[in-house]
Amino acid sequence: MRSIRAYGPEHLCRVRERLLASAIVDLHGPRPVNDAPCWQWAKNPNGRYGQFSVGKQKGLLAHRVSYELHHGEIPAGLTVDHLCRNTRCVNPAHLEAVTNRVNTLRSTNPAAVNAAKTHCDNGHELNETNTYLAKTGSRECRACCRDKMRRRRGSRVGPRTHCKSGRHLWTEDNIYTDPRGLKNCRACMRERARKRNQRRDREDIAA
């Protein structure tokens, strides 16, 4: 997208006048930043952000245009954050260019609240060593995961008595340990082998 700073001074002056004409300044309203009121965008009132056009560029975000008019071009890799938390404000005193992470952490949505946490719900510190990213992209606590696994293992009452199928006794005579060290039920292995042989016999007869 072309920076509006590429336009000439006269064009930028007209853009600034149009921008100010589209905003409402409530001098008696709250002054959340630098003792300055919000410049509330009056057009497209149902949108979350104000939209603006400069030359042939349509649908520009009004607060980004205001930032460039008053502070200069937005640095690469940065986004414009509302210090007042009012997304329809175009007051340049309320705008700051920050990284996406800083912008997210300043927000109040669930992702921002979670990202700002220093400890999990159980009190474990959420540092690099004790956290990992789940498949959903959220941070998970390693200590909580270990506690959960211990509880699962501890929920078994008494020693194991049957195989996973529940049909055969889990005794030394019926346990086979494979080369990987995994224990298997011999009776279940015999049943699977018998079914494979029966399937081959049927296939041979059909052939």
Protein backbone atom coordinates (compact mmCIF):
# COMPACT_ATOMS: atom_id res chain seq x y z
CA MET A 1 0.00 0.00 0.00
CA ARG A 2 1.35 3.42 -0.94
CA SER A 3 2.16 5.71 2.01
CA ILE A 4 0.10 8.90 2.04
CA ARG A 5 3.35 10.76 2.74
CA ALA A 6 4.13 10.26 -0.95
CA TYR A 7 1.51 12.89 -1.85
CA GLY A 8 2.42 16.56 -2.11
CA PRO A 9 1.97 19.09 0.74
CA GLU A 10 -1.16 20.65 -0.77
CA HIS A 11 -2.81 17.26 -1.18
CA LEU A 12 -1.90 16.29 2.40
CA CYS A 13 -3.35 19.55 3.67
CA ARG A 14 -6.68 18.72 1.99
CA VAL A 15 -6.52 15.18 3.38
CA ARG A 16 -6.00 16.57 6.89
CA GLU A 17 -8.97 18.90 6.50
CA ARG A 18 -11.20 16.05 5.31
CA LEU A 19 -10.03 13.86 8.20
CA LEU A 20 -10.78 16.51 10.81
CA ALA A 21 -14.18 17.21 9.24
CA SER A 22 -15.09 13.52 9.67
CA ALA A 23 -14.28 13.41 13.39
CA ILE A 24 -16.19 14.70 16.40
CA VAL A 25 -14.19 16.14 19.31
CA ASP A 26 -16.04 16.06 22.62
CA LEU A 27 -14.28 18.75 24.64
CA HIS A 28 -16.35 17.89 27.69
CA GLY A 29 -15.84 14.13 27.42
CA PRO A 30 -13.16 11.93 29.03
CA ARG A 31 -9.49 12.69 28.37
CA PRO A 32 -7.87 9.25 28.58
CA VAL A 33 -4.40 10.13 27.22
CA ASN A 34 -2.21 13.21 27.56
CA ASP A 35 -5.21 15.18 28.90
CA ALA A 36 -6.63 15.11 25.36
CA PRO A 37 -10.13 13.97 24.34
CA CYS A 38 -10.79 11.33 21.68
CA TRP A 39 -11.48 12.41 18.13
CA GLN A 40 -14.42 10.10 17.45
CA TRP A 41 -14.80 8.99 13.84
CA ALA A 42 -18.30 9.98 12.74
CA LYS A 43 -18.62 8.11 9.43
CA ASN A 44 -19.60 4.42 9.00
CA PRO A 45 -20.68 4.29 12.68
CA ASN A 46 -21.32 0.53 12.64
CA GLY A 47 -17.72 -0.36 11.88
CA ARG A 48 -15.10 -1.12 14.51
CA TYR A 49 -12.57 1.16 12.79
CA GLY A 50 -13.09 4.35 10.82
CA GLN A 51 -12.44 4.08 7.07
CA PHE A 52 -11.02 6.74 4.82
CA SER A 53 -9.92 7.23 1.21
CA VAL A 54 -6.87 9.04 -0.08
CA GLY A 55 -6.63 9.49 -3.85
CA LYS A 56 -7.41 6.12 -5.46
CA GLN A 57 -6.77 4.23 -2.23
CA LYS A 58 -10.11 3.20 -0.75
CA GLY A 59 -10.93 1.62 2.60
CA LEU A 60 -7.88 2.92 4.46
CA LEU A 61 -8.08 2.80 8.24
CA ALA A 62 -8.67 6.34 9.43
CA HIS A 63 -6.45 6.07 12.50
CA ARG A 64 -3.50 4.91 10.38
CA VAL A 65 -4.03 7.88 8.04
CA SER A 66 -4.10 10.21 11.04
CA TYR A 67 -0.88 8.72 12.39
CA GLU A 68 0.94 9.21 9.08
CA LEU A 69 -0.35 12.77 8.73
CA HIS A 70 0.93 13.80 12.14
CA HIS A 71 3.80 11.44 13.00
CA GLY A 72 5.17 10.29 9.68
CA GLU A 73 5.28 6.93 7.89
CA ILE A 74 4.49 3.85 9.96
CA PRO A 75 7.73 1.86 10.45
CA ALA A 76 7.87 -1.53 8.71
CA GLY A 77 6.66 -4.38 10.90
CA LEU A 78 4.74 -2.13 13.29
CA THR A 79 1.04 -1.50 13.72
CA VAL A 80 -0.80 1.54 15.13
CA ASP A 81 -2.17 1.03 18.63
CA HIS A 82 -4.89 3.08 20.34
CA LEU A 83 -3.58 4.15 23.73
CA CYS A 84 -7.12 5.21 24.65
CA ARG A 85 -8.48 1.71 23.72
CA ASN A 86 -11.09 3.46 21.55
CA THR A 87 -10.70 1.94 18.09
CA ARG A 88 -12.71 4.71 16.40
CA CYS A 89 -10.46 7.46 17.75
CA VAL A 90 -8.21 9.31 15.27
CA ASN A 91 -6.53 11.71 17.70
CA PRO A 92 -2.78 11.45 16.88
CA ALA A 93 -1.96 12.02 20.56
CA HIS A 94 -3.70 8.70 21.30
CA LEU A 95 -1.86 6.71 18.62
CA GLU A 96 1.43 4.85 18.90
CA ALA A 97 3.30 2.55 16.48
CA VAL A 98 4.12 -0.74 18.26
CA THR A 99 4.77 -4.39 17.44
CA ASN A 100 1.86 -6.80 17.02
CA ARG A 101 2.82 -8.53 20.29
CA VAL A 102 2.73 -5.27 22.26
CA ASN A 103 -0.59 -4.41 20.64
CA THR A 104 -1.99 -7.81 21.64
CA LEU A 105 -0.72 -7.58 25.22
CA ARG A 106 -2.34 -4.17 25.64
CA SER A 107 -5.70 -5.51 24.53
CA THR A 108 -8.37 -6.95 26.82
CA ASN A 109 -9.44 -9.94 24.70
CA PRO A 110 -8.94 -13.52 26.02
CA ALA A 111 -5.77 -14.05 23.96
CA ALA A 112 -4.21 -10.92 25.45
CA VAL A 113 -5.20 -11.89 28.98
CA ASN A 114 -3.67 -15.35 28.53
CA ALA A 115 -0.50 -13.96 26.91
CA ALA A 116 0.00 -11.56 29.81
CA LYS A 117 -0.19 -14.31 32.45
CA THR A 118 3.00 -14.98 34.40
CA HIS A 119 1.59 -18.00 36.29
CA CYS A 120 -0.93 -20.71 35.43
CA ASP A 121 -4.19 -21.20 37.34
CA ASN A 122 -2.39 -23.59 39.70
CA GLY A 123 0.39 -21.14 40.51
CA HIS A 124 3.20 -22.55 38.33
CA GLU A 125 5.44 -19.97 36.67
CA LEU A 126 4.90 -19.67 32.92
CA ASN A 127 8.51 -19.34 31.79
CA GLU A 128 10.23 -20.80 28.72
CA THR A 129 11.22 -23.99 30.56
CA ASN A 130 7.77 -24.69 31.98
CA THR A 131 5.64 -23.94 28.90
CA TYR A 132 5.01 -25.44 25.49
CA LEU A 133 2.74 -24.57 22.58
CA ALA A 134 -0.26 -26.85 22.13
CA LYS A 135 -1.64 -27.75 18.70
CA THR A 136 -4.18 -24.97 19.14
CA GLY A 137 -1.35 -22.44 19.53
CA SER A 138 -2.07 -21.76 23.21
CA ARG A 139 0.52 -21.90 25.99
CA GLU A 140 0.32 -24.94 28.25
CA CYS A 141 1.95 -25.51 31.63
CA ARG A 142 4.32 -28.49 31.72
CA ALA A 143 4.03 -28.90 35.50
CA CYS A 144 0.23 -29.14 35.26
CA CYS A 145 0.53 -31.73 32.49
CA ARG A 146 2.89 -33.84 34.63
CA ASP A 147 0.49 -33.60 37.58
CA LYS A 148 -2.38 -34.68 35.35
CA MET A 149 -0.44 -37.72 34.12
CA ARG A 150 0.46 -38.71 37.70
CA ARG A 151 -3.20 -38.48 38.72
CA ARG A 152 -4.20 -40.69 35.82
CA ARG A 153 -1.62 -43.31 36.75
CA GLY A 154 -2.58 -43.09 40.40
CA SER A 155 -6.27 -43.59 39.62
CA ARG A 156 -5.61 -47.30 38.94
CA VAL A 157 -6.57 -49.24 42.05
CA GLY A 158 -4.29 -52.18 42.77
CA PRO A 159 -2.04 -54.08 40.33
CA ARG A 160 -3.11 -54.84 36.79
CA THR A 161 -5.11 -58.06 36.53
CA HIS A 162 -6.24 -58.26 32.88
CA CYS A 163 -5.01 -57.26 29.42
CA LYS A 164 -6.37 -54.23 27.57
CA SER A 165 -9.18 -56.28 26.03
CA GLY A 166 -10.28 -57.34 29.51
CA ARG A 167 -10.68 -60.98 28.42
CA HIS A 168 -7.36 -62.49 29.51
CA LEU A 169 -5.51 -62.61 32.81
CA TRP A 170 -2.38 -60.43 33.05
CA THR A 171 -0.04 -63.12 34.40
CA GLU A 172 3.64 -63.82 33.82
CA ASP A 173 2.79 -66.84 31.65
CA ASN A 174 0.52 -64.69 29.45
CA ILE A 175 2.84 -61.68 29.06
CA TYR A 176 5.19 -61.36 26.10
CA THR A 177 7.83 -58.59 26.09
CA ASP A 178 8.81 -57.58 22.54
CA PRO A 179 12.29 -56.32 21.50
CA ARG A 180 11.20 -52.73 22.18
CA GLY A 181 10.38 -53.59 25.78
CA LEU A 182 6.60 -53.33 25.30
CA LYS A 183 4.45 -55.90 27.07
CA ASN A 184 1.72 -57.71 25.12
CA CYS A 185 -0.95 -60.27 25.90
CA ARG A 186 -0.03 -63.70 24.44
CA ALA A 187 -3.67 -64.79 24.24
CA CYS A 188 -4.58 -61.66 22.25
CA MET A 189 -1.60 -62.25 19.94
CA ARG A 190 -2.76 -65.83 19.29
CA GLU A 191 -6.27 -64.59 18.54
CA ARG A 192 -4.97 -62.03 16.05
CA ALA A 193 -2.75 -64.63 14.38
CA ARG A 194 -5.69 -67.07 14.13
CA LYS A 195 -7.88 -64.41 12.50
CA ARG A 196 -5.13 -63.58 10.00
CA ASN A 197 -4.79 -67.26 9.06
CA GLN A 198 -8.56 -67.64 8.66
CA ARG A 199 -8.65 -64.57 6.41
CA ARG A 200 -5.84 -65.95 4.24
CA ASP A 201 -7.65 -69.32 3.96
CA ARG A 202 -10.83 -67.60 2.80
CA GLU A 203 -8.87 -65.57 0.25
CA ASP A 204 -7.18 -68.74 -1.08
CA ILE A 205 -10.55 -70.49 -1.44
CA ALA A 206 -12.02 -67.47 -3.24
CA ALA A 207 -9.04 -67.44 -5.62
